[in-house]
Structure formats: structure tokens, C-alpha cells
Protein backbone atom coordinates (compact mmCIF):
# COMPACT_ATOMS: atom_id res chain seq x y z
CA MET A 1 84.42 96.05 106.51
CA ASN A 2 85.65 99.48 106.82
CA THR A 3 88.54 100.87 105.41
CA SER A 4 88.98 104.15 106.96
CA ASN A 5 89.44 105.23 110.32
CA ASN A 6 91.00 102.32 111.79
CA THR A 7 94.38 101.46 113.45
CA ILE A 8 96.08 98.36 111.80
CA LEU A 9 99.29 96.47 112.61
CA ILE A 10 100.66 95.02 110.02
CA THR A 11 103.36 91.89 110.68
CA GLY A 12 106.09 91.95 107.92
CA GLY A 13 105.29 95.36 106.81
CA THR A 14 108.63 97.11 105.23
CA SER A 15 108.48 95.31 101.94
CA GLY A 16 106.12 93.14 99.52
CA ILE A 17 102.65 93.15 99.50
CA GLY A 18 103.07 94.01 103.69
CA LEU A 19 103.82 97.61 102.73
CA ALA A 20 101.60 98.26 99.75
CA PHE A 21 98.78 97.34 101.87
CA ALA A 22 100.61 99.71 104.44
CA GLU A 23 100.67 102.49 102.12
CA GLU A 24 97.24 102.07 100.77
CA PHE A 25 95.97 101.71 104.47
CA LEU A 26 97.76 105.28 105.25
CA ARG A 27 96.07 106.84 101.58
CA LEU A 28 92.64 105.71 102.95
CA GLY A 29 93.12 107.93 106.28
CA ASN A 30 93.86 104.68 108.55
CA LYS A 31 96.60 105.01 111.68
CA VAL A 32 99.13 102.32 110.47
CA ILE A 33 101.94 100.85 112.75
CA ILE A 34 104.32 98.07 110.90
CA CYS A 35 106.77 96.05 112.62
CA GLY A 36 109.95 94.19 111.03
CA ARG A 37 113.04 92.95 112.07
CA ARG A 38 115.22 95.31 109.37
CA LYS A 39 116.00 98.54 111.35
CA ASP A 40 117.32 100.42 108.52
CA ARG A 41 114.17 99.66 106.62
CA LEU A 42 111.33 100.82 109.52
CA LYS A 43 113.99 104.32 108.81
CA GLN A 44 113.89 104.29 105.31
CA ILE A 45 109.89 104.14 105.22
CA LYS A 46 109.49 106.46 108.41
CA GLU A 47 111.70 109.32 106.00
CA LYS A 48 108.92 108.45 103.37
CA HIS A 49 105.99 108.18 105.13
CA SER A 50 106.02 110.24 107.99
CA THR A 51 102.80 109.68 109.67
CA ILE A 52 103.45 105.61 109.72
CA ILE A 53 104.20 104.23 113.29
CA ILE A 54 107.05 101.75 113.48
CA LYS A 55 108.26 98.88 116.21
CA GLU A 56 111.27 97.13 115.62
CA CYS A 57 109.91 93.39 116.17
CA ASP A 58 111.28 90.06 115.07
CA ILE A 59 108.00 88.09 115.07
CA GLN A 60 110.12 84.54 115.28
CA ASN A 61 110.96 85.04 118.77
CA ALA A 62 107.89 84.77 121.17
CA SER A 63 108.92 87.17 123.91
CA GLN A 64 108.93 90.03 121.59
CA ARG A 65 105.75 89.26 120.21
CA GLU A 66 104.47 89.18 123.48
CA GLU A 67 106.38 92.64 123.96
CA LEU A 68 104.67 93.86 120.91
CA TYR A 69 101.47 93.25 122.40
CA LYS A 70 102.01 95.45 125.31
CA TRP A 71 103.61 98.31 123.94
CA ILE A 72 100.44 97.74 121.67
CA GLU A 73 98.21 97.96 124.31
CA GLN A 74 100.16 100.76 126.42
CA ASN A 75 100.79 103.08 123.27
CA HIS A 76 98.22 102.12 120.56
CA PRO A 77 95.19 100.97 122.71
CA ASP A 78 92.75 102.14 119.46
CA THR A 79 94.41 99.20 117.75
CA ASN A 80 91.14 97.56 115.98
CA ILE A 81 93.33 94.99 112.91
CA LEU A 82 95.75 92.83 113.04
CA MET A 83 96.86 91.64 109.75
CA ASN A 84 99.30 88.42 109.96
CA ASN A 85 101.88 89.38 106.53
CA ALA A 86 105.22 88.66 107.64
CA GLY A 87 106.28 85.27 105.97
CA ILE A 88 109.54 83.68 104.69
CA GLN A 89 109.69 80.91 101.71
CA LEU A 90 112.53 78.43 101.40
CA VAL A 91 113.42 75.39 99.47
CA THR A 92 113.67 72.33 101.30
CA ASP A 93 114.66 69.14 99.60
CA LEU A 94 113.06 66.13 102.38
CA THR A 95 114.60 63.52 100.42
CA LYS A 96 117.81 64.47 102.48
CA PRO A 97 118.50 65.53 106.21
CA VAL A 98 116.99 68.85 106.68
CA GLY A 99 118.47 71.47 108.70
CA LEU A 100 116.04 71.87 111.65
CA ASP A 101 117.35 75.24 112.13
CA LYS A 102 115.84 76.14 108.90
CA ILE A 103 112.99 74.82 109.16
CA GLN A 104 112.13 75.89 112.67
CA ALA A 105 112.42 79.51 111.65
CA GLU A 106 109.99 79.03 108.72
CA ILE A 107 107.22 77.19 110.58
CA GLU A 108 107.62 79.84 113.46
CA THR A 109 107.40 82.89 111.09
CA ASN A 110 104.67 81.71 108.58
CA LEU A 111 102.53 79.80 111.71
CA ILE A 112 103.65 79.70 115.03
CA ALA A 113 103.64 83.48 114.77
CA PRO A 114 99.93 84.30 113.53
CA ILE A 115 98.88 81.54 115.73
CA HIS A 116 100.40 83.14 119.22
CA LEU A 117 99.41 86.90 117.60
CA ALA A 118 96.15 85.87 116.78
CA SER A 119 95.21 84.33 120.50
CA ILE A 120 96.57 87.32 122.44
CA PHE A 121 95.13 90.10 120.63
CA SER A 122 91.91 88.74 120.05
CA GLY A 123 90.49 89.65 123.06
CA HIS A 124 91.63 92.76 122.71
CA LEU A 125 90.40 93.41 119.11
CA ALA A 126 86.93 91.65 120.70
CA SER A 127 86.61 94.79 122.93
CA LYS A 128 86.19 97.11 119.60
CA LYS A 129 83.00 98.12 117.96
CA ASP A 130 84.60 97.06 114.77
CA ALA A 131 87.51 94.61 114.44
CA ALA A 132 89.20 92.54 112.03
CA ILE A 133 92.18 89.88 112.06
CA ILE A 134 93.77 89.55 108.48
CA ASN A 135 95.53 86.47 107.64
CA ILE A 136 97.34 86.37 104.82
CA SER A 137 97.70 82.70 102.74
CA SER A 138 98.90 81.82 99.44
CA GLY A 139 97.59 79.81 96.72
CA LEU A 140 100.17 77.48 97.13
CA ALA A 141 98.06 76.36 100.42
CA PHE A 142 95.86 74.39 97.82
CA ALA A 143 98.22 73.18 95.52
CA PRO A 144 101.84 73.34 96.72
CA ILE A 145 105.13 73.48 94.47
CA ALA A 146 106.57 70.41 95.68
CA PHE A 147 110.17 72.04 95.92
CA MET A 148 109.29 74.38 98.71
CA PRO A 149 107.14 71.99 101.21
CA VAL A 150 107.28 73.67 104.04
CA TYR A 151 106.33 77.05 103.23
CA CYS A 152 103.10 75.41 101.20
CA ALA A 153 102.24 73.37 104.36
CA THR A 154 102.23 76.25 106.53
CA LYS A 155 100.15 78.22 104.33
CA ALA A 156 97.72 75.39 104.20
CA ALA A 157 97.90 75.09 107.99
CA ILE A 158 96.77 79.16 107.66
CA HIS A 159 94.13 78.59 105.53
CA SER A 160 92.50 75.66 108.18
CA LEU A 161 93.21 77.94 111.42
CA THR A 162 91.81 81.43 109.80
CA MET A 163 88.41 78.89 109.27
CA SER A 164 88.47 77.85 113.26
CA LEU A 165 89.34 81.01 114.45
CA ARG A 166 86.63 82.72 112.70
CA PHE A 167 83.80 80.17 113.61
CA GLN A 168 85.91 80.78 117.08
CA LEU A 169 85.25 84.31 117.10
CA ARG A 170 81.64 84.47 115.57
CA ALA A 171 80.12 86.18 118.27
CA THR A 172 82.39 88.93 118.41
CA SER A 173 82.74 91.87 116.40
CA VAL A 174 86.10 90.51 115.01
CA LYS A 175 85.91 89.28 111.09
CA VAL A 176 87.73 87.38 110.20
CA PHE A 177 89.67 87.21 106.25
CA GLU A 178 91.93 85.30 104.95
CA VAL A 179 94.11 87.04 101.52
CA ILE A 180 94.67 84.18 99.68
CA PRO A 181 97.67 85.98 97.17
CA PRO A 182 98.77 84.47 93.90
CA SER A 183 102.84 84.71 92.77
CA VAL A 184 103.11 88.57 93.38
CA ASP A 185 106.13 90.56 92.17
CA THR A 186 107.71 90.96 95.27
CA GLU A 187 111.38 90.41 97.63
CA LEU A 188 109.32 86.87 99.00
CA GLY A 189 111.93 84.21 98.82
CA HIS A 190 115.28 86.39 98.52
CA GLU A 191 116.70 84.38 101.24
CA ARG A 192 116.75 81.19 98.82
CA ARG A 193 118.20 83.19 95.74
CA GLU A 194 122.01 83.87 95.28
CA ASP A 195 121.18 87.46 94.35
CA LYS A 196 119.37 89.16 96.18
CA THR A 197 117.79 91.89 94.08
CA GLN A 198 115.94 89.35 92.15
CA THR A 199 112.82 89.40 92.82
CA HIS A 200 109.97 87.13 93.04
CA GLY A 201 108.07 87.21 89.77
CA GLY A 202 104.54 87.20 89.69
CA ILE A 203 101.39 89.99 88.92
CA PRO A 204 102.11 93.11 89.84
CA VAL A 205 101.82 94.46 93.24
CA ALA A 206 99.44 97.27 92.42
CA GLU A 207 97.30 94.89 90.82
CA PHE A 208 97.18 92.62 93.61
CA LEU A 209 96.41 95.20 95.87
CA THR A 210 93.53 96.41 94.00
CA GLU A 211 91.54 93.18 93.75
CA ALA A 212 92.65 92.14 97.82
CA MET A 213 90.98 95.57 98.94
CA ASP A 214 88.06 95.13 96.90
CA GLY A 215 87.33 92.07 98.67
CA ILE A 216 88.27 93.32 102.09
CA LYS A 217 86.02 96.25 101.57
CA ASN A 218 83.10 93.96 100.48
CA ASP A 219 83.55 91.83 103.34
CA MET A 220 84.59 88.85 101.44
CA LEU A 221 86.02 86.82 104.36
CA GLU A 222 88.18 84.45 101.73
CA ILE A 223 89.62 86.37 99.20
CA ALA A 224 91.60 84.21 96.35
CA VAL A 225 93.13 87.06 93.97
CA GLY A 226 94.18 86.15 90.52
CA GLN A 227 95.60 82.99 89.73
CA SER A 228 94.77 81.61 92.99
CA LYS A 229 91.47 81.14 92.41
CA GLY A 230 92.35 78.63 89.89
CA LEU A 231 94.81 77.19 92.54
CA ARG A 232 91.98 77.10 95.08
CA ALA A 233 89.40 75.42 92.23
CA LYS A 234 91.52 73.18 90.34
CA ARG A 235 93.55 71.52 93.44
CA ASP A 236 94.88 68.41 91.67
CA GLU A 237 95.13 69.45 88.45
CA MET A 238 97.14 72.67 89.10
CA PHE A 239 99.50 70.25 91.45
CA SER A 240 100.88 68.42 88.39
CA LEU A 241 101.06 70.98 85.93
CA MET A 242 103.34 73.41 88.19
CA ASN A 243 105.43 69.98 89.30
CA LYS A 244 106.19 68.74 85.93
């Protein structure tokens, strides 16, 4: 994929790997649009990167997703890449009754929103000469950590969804990528931690980004980064190791 001269919409672009992708795509000469729920964070990023375009949007909300699409059509019709990056990661104990609000929020953010956004943007993207949908899954899609079963299940579903979406769009100009991160040192999962300043742990964001961008540049439609290669190749073995 050409990584310059695009107009790219990134969900969850205010932190972590979403922000890292946004900054890298800016550096490469793209127009970058990020959306997120936190108005203060969006403002901070705009102050740092004057050319970035910000849009407040809670992708858990279906009507806000539809409004986002209409806003893109009206204001940035040159958008040719959608990156479904936003995600939340929570602990769920399935041996006890679960709080459905928490479960629904995790599934809505991690799975339903990417399904909905892909469906409403696919026709627009297919009208472009060069276009892409980039879905961010996880190595945990292949070998889950059992104390985060809903998160891992949503990422397994993203892997399956991406395969089907790629097939359905095979006759169009839209390339469908899946980026499969390992554990990356971001604030992912901060909702479940008492210390909100504690990071996720894992490889540095810059290390992840280098490998992921190399895969995108070289049209690797399924890009397993770092340890996620092992999680994909040796599922049962890695599951046992991670869940001792």
C-alpha cells in the first residue's frame, strides 16, 4: 500500500498505537483524521500537531458512528483509508454473574463498531482508486489470556471478520489489512487498573510501529508483529504457557 498522500481516519487515535500510527502517517505526508471520546486529549494532540484533524466521537454509540460517516462525507470526502483501532480491555470472571453493561461496552467498542464502520464506509472507500481498511486485532485472538475472555473473544472475531470482509471486497479497490499486535507498552487496559498511570507493558510502541508499517508498505494483508507470530503459530502451547 502506498503510505503517502492518503486521507486516513483512525478510531481511538488519541493514545497508544492509534496515536503512534497517526503521527507516523502525518510524518509520511498523509492527511490524518483521528476520533476519540476525550475532548481534552484531542485538544492536546491538535496543539502538538497543527495539521491533524480531530473529531470527538464515542464509537460505542451507533448514532455517533453514523454521524461520523456523514461528517467525513461532507468535510473530508477524499478519505480513502479507515483504521479500526479503538479498543478496551477488561477483566471478566465468568464463574460469577457478569455485569452486562461492562460486557456490552467491550463488545460494542471492540467488535460491533468495526463491523458497523466497515459496512457504512465500504461503499465510499470502493469509489476510490486506492483504498484500505486496516483492522487492529491482537495476538490474543489466537491464544487467549483466560482472565480477559471477552476482550480475547472480540479480537478472535475481528480476525474472522477481516477474512470475510477481505473476501467480500475482493473485486474492489479496497485492500483489507489485519495488524496483529503483541503486548505493546501503552495505556490499553487502564480501565481495569487501580493505578491509571501504569502502562500495559510489552514491547515499545516504536518497535511495534516499525514492523507494522513495514507490513503495510509491502501489502502483507495479515501482519503478525513480534510475539504475536508465536501466538498464531503455536496456539495450544502458548495458551498453556500464558494461563499457568
